[in-house]
Amino acid sequence: MSLSTGKRIKRRQPPEETRRQIVAAALEFLRERSFRELNVDALMARTGHSRTLFYKHFDDVSALLLALIEETGQELVALANEWSASESKTPAEARRRLQGFVDFHTRNAAAIRAVVEASHHDDAVERAYNGMVEQFVRITARTIQARIDADDLAPIDAAETARALVRMLDGYLLDPLRTEDPERALQALWLIWTRTLFPARHPS
């Protein structure tokens, strides 16, 4: 097969595959370099596509970040729903689910930090990021309220407790030092979460 034929095949790939490659390249870039260094030329060099093709999928880098939020947000909400399903069971099971959040942040910390940085000066990115986190807050609040209704937890402000726990988890795991020792981070988070949600028990 000639190189020119290969190029023609590459141009014919489905648009969704090209978009996926760009998003994957952005995640890879942000694991290695800072958000301030992210630009269309450097990004597209990793995909083998032209900068023109970038603009067929995204208006600008902010639009790309919105795609990153959507992709990572789906995983985060799925993890939150898993946590919710396990919360009424045992502390050991809930801890295993909390491990999923630590793993998620360890894998995606660089991209999430880039989103947070961009949110300081981009309203659309800020709204999207906060919307993702607030979904997690709402799921956690429902879980806490369910434990209160089942008399497994003394009455507390479920909504504000959920917001405090989630925002604490999010901010804590975005600290670059935390990704260097995820097991230690998990233990610290678990002591806080279990003493809030399983006050009559001890962490296992």
C-alpha atoms as a PDB file:
ATOM      1  CA  MET A   1       0.000   0.000   0.000  1.00  0.00           C
ATOM      2  CA  SER A   2       1.389   3.392  -0.951  1.00  0.00           C
ATOM      3  CA  LEU A   3       1.689   6.243   1.530  1.00  0.00           C
ATOM      4  CA  SER A   4      -0.745   8.301  -0.499  1.00  0.00           C
ATOM      5  CA  THR A   5      -3.305   5.484  -0.349  1.00  0.00           C
ATOM      6  CA  GLY A   6      -2.824   5.297   3.423  1.00  0.00           C
ATOM      7  CA  LYS A   7      -3.454   9.008   3.689  1.00  0.00           C
ATOM      8  CA  ARG A   8      -6.659   8.694   1.675  1.00  0.00           C
ATOM      9  CA  ILE A   9      -7.884   5.951   4.002  1.00  0.00           C
ATOM     10  CA  LYS A  10      -7.018   8.089   7.019  1.00  0.00           C
ATOM     11  CA  ARG A  11      -9.048  10.996   5.643  1.00  0.00           C
ATOM     12  CA  ARG A  12     -12.019   8.672   5.165  1.00  0.00           C
ATOM     13  CA  GLN A  13     -12.178   7.519   8.763  1.00  0.00           C
ATOM     14  CA  PRO A  14     -15.476   8.302  10.523  1.00  0.00           C
ATOM     15  CA  PRO A  15     -15.658  11.837  11.960  1.00  0.00           C
ATOM     16  CA  GLU A  16     -16.376  10.446  15.426  1.00  0.00           C
ATOM     17  CA  GLU A  17     -13.095   8.500  15.285  1.00  0.00           C
ATOM     18  CA  THR A  18     -11.153  11.650  14.395  1.00  0.00           C
ATOM     19  CA  ARG A  19     -12.846  13.499  17.248  1.00  0.00           C
ATOM     20  CA  ARG A  20     -11.995  10.655  19.628  1.00  0.00           C
ATOM     21  CA  GLN A  21      -8.349  10.798  18.545  1.00  0.00           C
ATOM     22  CA  ILE A  22      -8.185  14.536  19.217  1.00  0.00           C
ATOM     23  CA  VAL A  23      -9.695  14.151  22.685  1.00  0.00           C
ATOM     24  CA  ALA A  24      -7.348  11.249  23.483  1.00  0.00           C
ATOM     25  CA  ALA A  25      -4.369  13.293  22.288  1.00  0.00           C
ATOM     26  CA  ALA A  26      -5.430  16.172  24.543  1.00  0.00           C
ATOM     27  CA  LEU A  27      -5.587  13.879  27.568  1.00  0.00           C
ATOM     28  CA  GLU A  28      -2.152  12.503  26.728  1.00  0.00           C
ATOM     29  CA  PHE A  29      -0.745  16.004  26.210  1.00  0.00           C
ATOM     30  CA  LEU A  30      -2.037  17.238  29.551  1.00  0.00           C
ATOM     31  CA  ARG A  31      -0.495  14.298  31.384  1.00  0.00           C
ATOM     32  CA  GLU A  32       2.908  15.379  30.091  1.00  0.00           C
ATOM     33  CA  ARG A  33       2.741  19.158  29.789  1.00  0.00           C
ATOM     34  CA  SER A  34       0.889  22.087  31.313  1.00  0.00           C
ATOM     35  CA  PHE A  35      -2.401  23.543  30.136  1.00  0.00           C
ATOM     36  CA  ARG A  36      -0.618  26.801  29.235  1.00  0.00           C
ATOM     37  CA  GLU A  37       1.374  24.887  26.614  1.00  0.00           C
ATOM     38  CA  LEU A  38      -1.701  23.365  24.988  1.00  0.00           C
ATOM     39  CA  ASN A  39      -2.271  24.735  21.495  1.00  0.00           C
ATOM     40  CA  VAL A  40      -3.814  23.404  18.320  1.00  0.00           C
ATOM     41  CA  ASP A  41      -0.526  22.838  16.467  1.00  0.00           C
ATOM     42  CA  ALA A  42       1.100  20.872  19.291  1.00  0.00           C
ATOM     43  CA  LEU A  43      -2.061  18.858  19.827  1.00  0.00           C
ATOM     44  CA  MET A  44      -2.683  17.946  16.191  1.00  0.00           C
ATOM     45  CA  ALA A  45       0.952  16.941  15.709  1.00  0.00           C
ATOM     46  CA  ARG A  46       0.137  14.034  18.030  1.00  0.00           C
ATOM     47  CA  THR A  47      -2.801  12.895  15.916  1.00  0.00           C
ATOM     48  CA  GLY A  48      -1.166  13.098  12.486  1.00  0.00           C
ATOM     49  CA  HIS A  49      -4.010  15.329  11.314  1.00  0.00           C
ATOM     50  CA  SER A  50      -3.912  18.953  10.219  1.00  0.00           C
ATOM     51  CA  ARG A  51      -4.950  21.910  12.376  1.00  0.00           C
ATOM     52  CA  THR A  52      -7.736  22.499   9.820  1.00  0.00           C
ATOM     53  CA  LEU A  53      -9.288  19.200  10.849  1.00  0.00           C
ATOM     54  CA  PHE A  54      -9.282  20.319  14.490  1.00  0.00           C
ATOM     55  CA  TYR A  55     -11.574  23.205  13.608  1.00  0.00           C
ATOM     56  CA  LYS A  56     -13.997  20.871  11.874  1.00  0.00           C
ATOM     57  CA  HIS A  57     -14.676  19.342  15.283  1.00  0.00           C
ATOM     58  CA  PHE A  58     -14.007  22.139  17.785  1.00  0.00           C
ATOM     59  CA  ASP A  59     -14.344  25.906  17.646  1.00  0.00           C
ATOM     60  CA  ASP A  60     -11.346  26.407  19.917  1.00  0.00           C
ATOM     61  CA  VAL A  61      -9.424  24.890  22.830  1.00  0.00           C
ATOM     62  CA  SER A  62     -12.251  25.808  25.224  1.00  0.00           C
ATOM     63  CA  ALA A  63     -14.637  23.687  23.153  1.00  0.00           C
ATOM     64  CA  LEU A  64     -12.158  20.830  23.399  1.00  0.00           C
ATOM     65  CA  LEU A  65     -12.116  21.204  27.187  1.00  0.00           C
ATOM     66  CA  LEU A  66     -15.913  20.999  27.199  1.00  0.00           C
ATOM     67  CA  ALA A  67     -15.585  17.672  25.374  1.00  0.00           C
ATOM     68  CA  LEU A  68     -13.110  16.495  28.015  1.00  0.00           C
ATOM     69  CA  ILE A  69     -15.588  17.451  30.740  1.00  0.00           C
ATOM     70  CA  GLU A  70     -18.349  15.533  28.998  1.00  0.00           C
ATOM     71  CA  GLU A  71     -16.193  12.439  28.586  1.00  0.00           C
ATOM     72  CA  THR A  72     -14.768  12.369  32.096  1.00  0.00           C
ATOM     73  CA  GLY A  73     -18.089  13.506  33.562  1.00  0.00           C
ATOM     74  CA  GLN A  74     -19.861  10.423  32.272  1.00  0.00           C
ATOM     75  CA  GLU A  75     -17.367   8.222  34.089  1.00  0.00           C
ATOM     76  CA  LEU A  76     -17.615  10.300  37.267  1.00  0.00           C
ATOM     77  CA  VAL A  77     -21.415  10.081  37.354  1.00  0.00           C
ATOM     78  CA  ALA A  78     -21.232   6.324  36.750  1.00  0.00           C
ATOM     79  CA  LEU A  79     -18.855   6.028  39.712  1.00  0.00           C
ATOM     80  CA  ALA A  80     -21.179   8.138  41.848  1.00  0.00           C
ATOM     81  CA  ASN A  81     -24.111   5.884  40.995  1.00  0.00           C
ATOM     82  CA  GLU A  82     -22.031   2.831  41.913  1.00  0.00           C
ATOM     83  CA  TRP A  83     -21.120   4.486  45.206  1.00  0.00           C
ATOM     84  CA  SER A  84     -24.788   5.207  45.857  1.00  0.00           C
ATOM     85  CA  ALA A  85     -25.732   1.603  45.192  1.00  0.00           C
ATOM     86  CA  SER A  86     -23.118   0.337  47.637  1.00  0.00           C
ATOM     87  CA  GLU A  87     -23.607   2.930  50.363  1.00  0.00           C
ATOM     88  CA  SER A  88     -26.408   1.068  52.125  1.00  0.00           C
ATOM     89  CA  LYS A  89     -24.264  -2.064  52.380  1.00  0.00           C
ATOM     90  CA  THR A  90     -21.003  -2.351  54.269  1.00  0.00           C
ATOM     91  CA  PRO A  91     -18.166   0.119  54.905  1.00  0.00           C
ATOM     92  CA  ALA A  92     -15.752  -2.301  53.211  1.00  0.00           C
ATOM     93  CA  GLU A  93     -17.811  -2.292  50.018  1.00  0.00           C
ATOM     94  CA  ALA A  94     -18.205   1.486  50.107  1.00  0.00           C
ATOM     95  CA  ARG A  95     -14.455   1.833  50.565  1.00  0.00           C
ATOM     96  CA  ARG A  96     -13.851  -0.295  47.505  1.00  0.00           C
ATOM     97  CA  ARG A  97     -16.133   2.021  45.562  1.00  0.00           C
ATOM     98  CA  LEU A  98     -14.335   5.082  46.915  1.00  0.00           C
ATOM     99  CA  GLN A  99     -11.171   3.559  45.461  1.00  0.00           C
ATOM    100  CA  GLY A 100     -12.783   4.151  42.085  1.00  0.00           C
ATOM    101  CA  PHE A 101     -12.843   7.919  42.685  1.00  0.00           C
ATOM    102  CA  VAL A 102      -9.182   7.924  43.673  1.00  0.00           C
ATOM    103  CA  ASP A 103      -8.286   5.926  40.563  1.00  0.00           C
ATOM    104  CA  PHE A 104     -10.395   8.275  38.413  1.00  0.00           C
ATOM    105  CA  HIS A 105      -8.602  11.372  39.719  1.00  0.00           C
ATOM    106  CA  THR A 106      -5.195   9.712  39.476  1.00  0.00           C
ATOM    107  CA  ARG A 107      -5.802   8.967  35.802  1.00  0.00           C
ATOM    108  CA  ASN A 108      -7.467  12.275  34.944  1.00  0.00           C
ATOM    109  CA  ALA A 109      -5.908  14.742  37.392  1.00  0.00           C
ATOM    110  CA  ALA A 110      -3.914  16.609  34.729  1.00  0.00           C
ATOM    111  CA  ALA A 111      -6.968  17.088  32.516  1.00  0.00           C
ATOM    112  CA  ILE A 112      -9.175  18.110  35.444  1.00  0.00           C
ATOM    113  CA  ARG A 113      -6.583  20.624  36.640  1.00  0.00           C
ATOM    114  CA  ALA A 114      -6.530  22.087  33.116  1.00  0.00           C
ATOM    115  CA  VAL A 115     -10.313  22.382  33.178  1.00  0.00           C
ATOM    116  CA  VAL A 116     -10.224  24.082  36.584  1.00  0.00           C
ATOM    117  CA  GLU A 117      -7.560  26.500  35.363  1.00  0.00           C
ATOM    118  CA  ALA A 118      -9.561  27.322  32.231  1.00  0.00           C
ATOM    119  CA  SER A 119     -12.740  27.763  34.276  1.00  0.00           C
ATOM    120  CA  HIS A 120     -11.226  30.807  35.970  1.00  0.00           C
ATOM    121  CA  HIS A 121     -11.553  32.790  32.752  1.00  0.00           C
ATOM    122  CA  ASP A 122     -14.072  30.853  30.648  1.00  0.00           C
ATOM    123  CA  ASP A 123     -17.700  30.928  31.811  1.00  0.00           C
ATOM    124  CA  ALA A 124     -18.793  27.986  29.659  1.00  0.00           C
ATOM    125  CA  VAL A 125     -16.038  25.739  31.012  1.00  0.00           C
ATOM    126  CA  GLU A 126     -16.807  26.866  34.560  1.00  0.00           C
ATOM    127  CA  ARG A 127     -20.518  26.042  34.172  1.00  0.00           C
ATOM    128  CA  ALA A 128     -19.798  22.650  32.642  1.00  0.00           C
ATOM    129  CA  TYR A 129     -17.272  21.685  35.298  1.00  0.00           C
ATOM    130  CA  ASN A 130     -19.485  22.810  38.165  1.00  0.00           C
ATOM    131  CA  GLY A 131     -22.401  20.984  36.570  1.00  0.00           C
ATOM    132  CA  MET A 132     -20.396  17.751  36.527  1.00  0.00           C
ATOM    133  CA  VAL A 133     -19.411  18.114  40.182  1.00  0.00           C
ATOM    134  CA  GLU A 134     -22.939  19.072  41.224  1.00  0.00           C
ATOM    135  CA  GLN A 135     -24.283  15.865  39.685  1.00  0.00           C
ATOM    136  CA  PHE A 136     -21.984  13.992  42.035  1.00  0.00           C
ATOM    137  CA  VAL A 137     -23.183  16.180  44.922  1.00  0.00           C
ATOM    138  CA  ARG A 138     -26.856  15.440  44.187  1.00  0.00           C
ATOM    139  CA  ILE A 139     -26.283  11.683  43.987  1.00  0.00           C
ATOM    140  CA  THR A 140     -24.330  11.752  47.256  1.00  0.00           C
ATOM    141  CA  ALA A 141     -27.044  13.851  48.940  1.00  0.00           C
ATOM    142  CA  ARG A 142     -29.709  11.335  47.929  1.00  0.00           C
ATOM    143  CA  THR A 143     -27.556   8.537  49.319  1.00  0.00           C
ATOM    144  CA  ILE A 144     -27.065  10.321  52.637  1.00  0.00           C
ATOM    145  CA  GLN A 145     -30.782  11.085  52.890  1.00  0.00           C
ATOM    146  CA  ALA A 146     -31.616   7.430  52.215  1.00  0.00           C
ATOM    147  CA  ARG A 147     -29.388   6.394  55.125  1.00  0.00           C
ATOM    148  CA  ILE A 148     -31.097   8.954  57.361  1.00  0.00           C
ATOM    149  CA  ASP A 149     -34.562   7.719  56.301  1.00  0.00           C
ATOM    150  CA  ALA A 150     -33.506   4.133  57.065  1.00  0.00           C
ATOM    151  CA  ASP A 151     -32.304   5.175  60.549  1.00  0.00           C
ATOM    152  CA  ASP A 152     -28.754   4.171  59.634  1.00  0.00           C
ATOM    153  CA  LEU A 153     -27.546   7.739  60.159  1.00  0.00           C
ATOM    154  CA  ALA A 154     -28.547  10.472  62.583  1.00  0.00           C
ATOM    155  CA  PRO A 155     -30.373  13.399  60.935  1.00  0.00           C
ATOM    156  CA  ILE A 156     -27.968  15.840  59.291  1.00  0.00           C
ATOM    157  CA  ASP A 157     -28.167  18.355  56.446  1.00  0.00           C
ATOM    158  CA  ALA A 158     -27.784  15.854  53.606  1.00  0.00           C
ATOM    159  CA  ALA A 159     -27.325  18.430  50.848  1.00  0.00           C
ATOM    160  CA  GLU A 160     -24.628  20.483  52.549  1.00  0.00           C
ATOM    161  CA  THR A 161     -22.838  17.433  53.934  1.00  0.00           C
ATOM    162  CA  ALA A 162     -22.745  15.968  50.431  1.00  0.00           C
ATOM    163  CA  ARG A 163     -21.421  19.225  48.983  1.00  0.00           C
ATOM    164  CA  ALA A 164     -18.698  19.440  51.638  1.00  0.00           C
ATOM    165  CA  LEU A 165     -17.627  15.822  51.140  1.00  0.00           C
ATOM    166  CA  VAL A 166     -17.595  15.985  47.336  1.00  0.00           C
ATOM    167  CA  ARG A 167     -15.867  19.354  47.065  1.00  0.00           C
ATOM    168  CA  MET A 168     -13.309  18.234  49.624  1.00  0.00           C
ATOM    169  CA  LEU A 169     -12.663  15.018  47.690  1.00  0.00           C
ATOM    170  CA  ASP A 170     -12.393  16.892  44.398  1.00  0.00           C
ATOM    171  CA  GLY A 171     -10.023  19.577  45.667  1.00  0.00           C
ATOM    172  CA  TYR A 172      -7.905  17.182  47.694  1.00  0.00           C
ATOM    173  CA  LEU A 173      -7.352  14.774  44.818  1.00  0.00           C
ATOM    174  CA  LEU A 174      -6.398  17.593  42.450  1.00  0.00           C
ATOM    175  CA  ASP A 175      -3.361  18.343  44.598  1.00  0.00           C
ATOM    176  CA  PRO A 176      -0.463  16.991  42.468  1.00  0.00           C
ATOM    177  CA  LEU A 177       1.143  15.391  45.524  1.00  0.00           C
ATOM    178  CA  ARG A 178      -1.898  13.185  46.092  1.00  0.00           C
ATOM    179  CA  THR A 179      -1.518  11.383  42.767  1.00  0.00           C
ATOM    180  CA  GLU A 180       1.947  10.257  43.846  1.00  0.00           C
ATOM    181  CA  ASP A 181       0.574   8.161  46.714  1.00  0.00           C
ATOM    182  CA  PRO A 182      -3.037   7.204  45.870  1.00  0.00           C
ATOM    183  CA  GLU A 183      -3.271   4.551  48.595  1.00  0.00           C
ATOM    184  CA  ARG A 184      -2.420   7.086  51.281  1.00  0.00           C
ATOM    185  CA  ALA A 185      -4.912   9.522  49.768  1.00  0.00           C
ATOM    186  CA  LEU A 186      -7.606   6.834  49.774  1.00  0.00           C
ATOM    187  CA  GLN A 187      -7.019   6.061  53.432  1.00  0.00           C
ATOM    188  CA  ALA A 188      -7.250   9.731  54.428  1.00  0.00           C
ATOM    189  CA  LEU A 189     -10.458  10.231  52.457  1.00  0.00           C
ATOM    190  CA  TRP A 190     -11.974   7.029  53.755  1.00  0.00           C
ATOM    191  CA  LEU A 191     -11.423   7.994  57.385  1.00  0.00           C
ATOM    192  CA  ILE A 192     -13.360  11.213  56.760  1.00  0.00           C
ATOM    193  CA  TRP A 193     -16.168   9.643  54.722  1.00  0.00           C
ATOM    194  CA  THR A 194     -16.673   6.619  56.957  1.00  0.00           C
ATOM    195  CA  ARG A 195     -16.745   8.652  60.165  1.00  0.00           C
ATOM    196  CA  THR A 196     -19.387  10.853  58.578  1.00  0.00           C
ATOM    197  CA  LEU A 197     -21.561   8.196  56.966  1.00  0.00           C
ATOM    198  CA  PHE A 198     -20.878   5.154  59.175  1.00  0.00           C
ATOM    199  CA  PRO A 199     -20.410   6.854  62.565  1.00  0.00           C
ATOM    200  CA  ALA A 200     -21.280   3.774  64.628  1.00  0.00           C
ATOM    201  CA  ARG A 201     -18.759   1.594  62.813  1.00  0.00           C
ATOM    202  CA  HIS A 202     -15.058   1.462  62.204  1.00  0.00           C
ATOM    203  CA  PRO A 203     -13.401   1.509  58.776  1.00  0.00           C
ATOM    204  CA  SER A 204     -12.497  -1.903  57.456  1.00  0.00           C
END
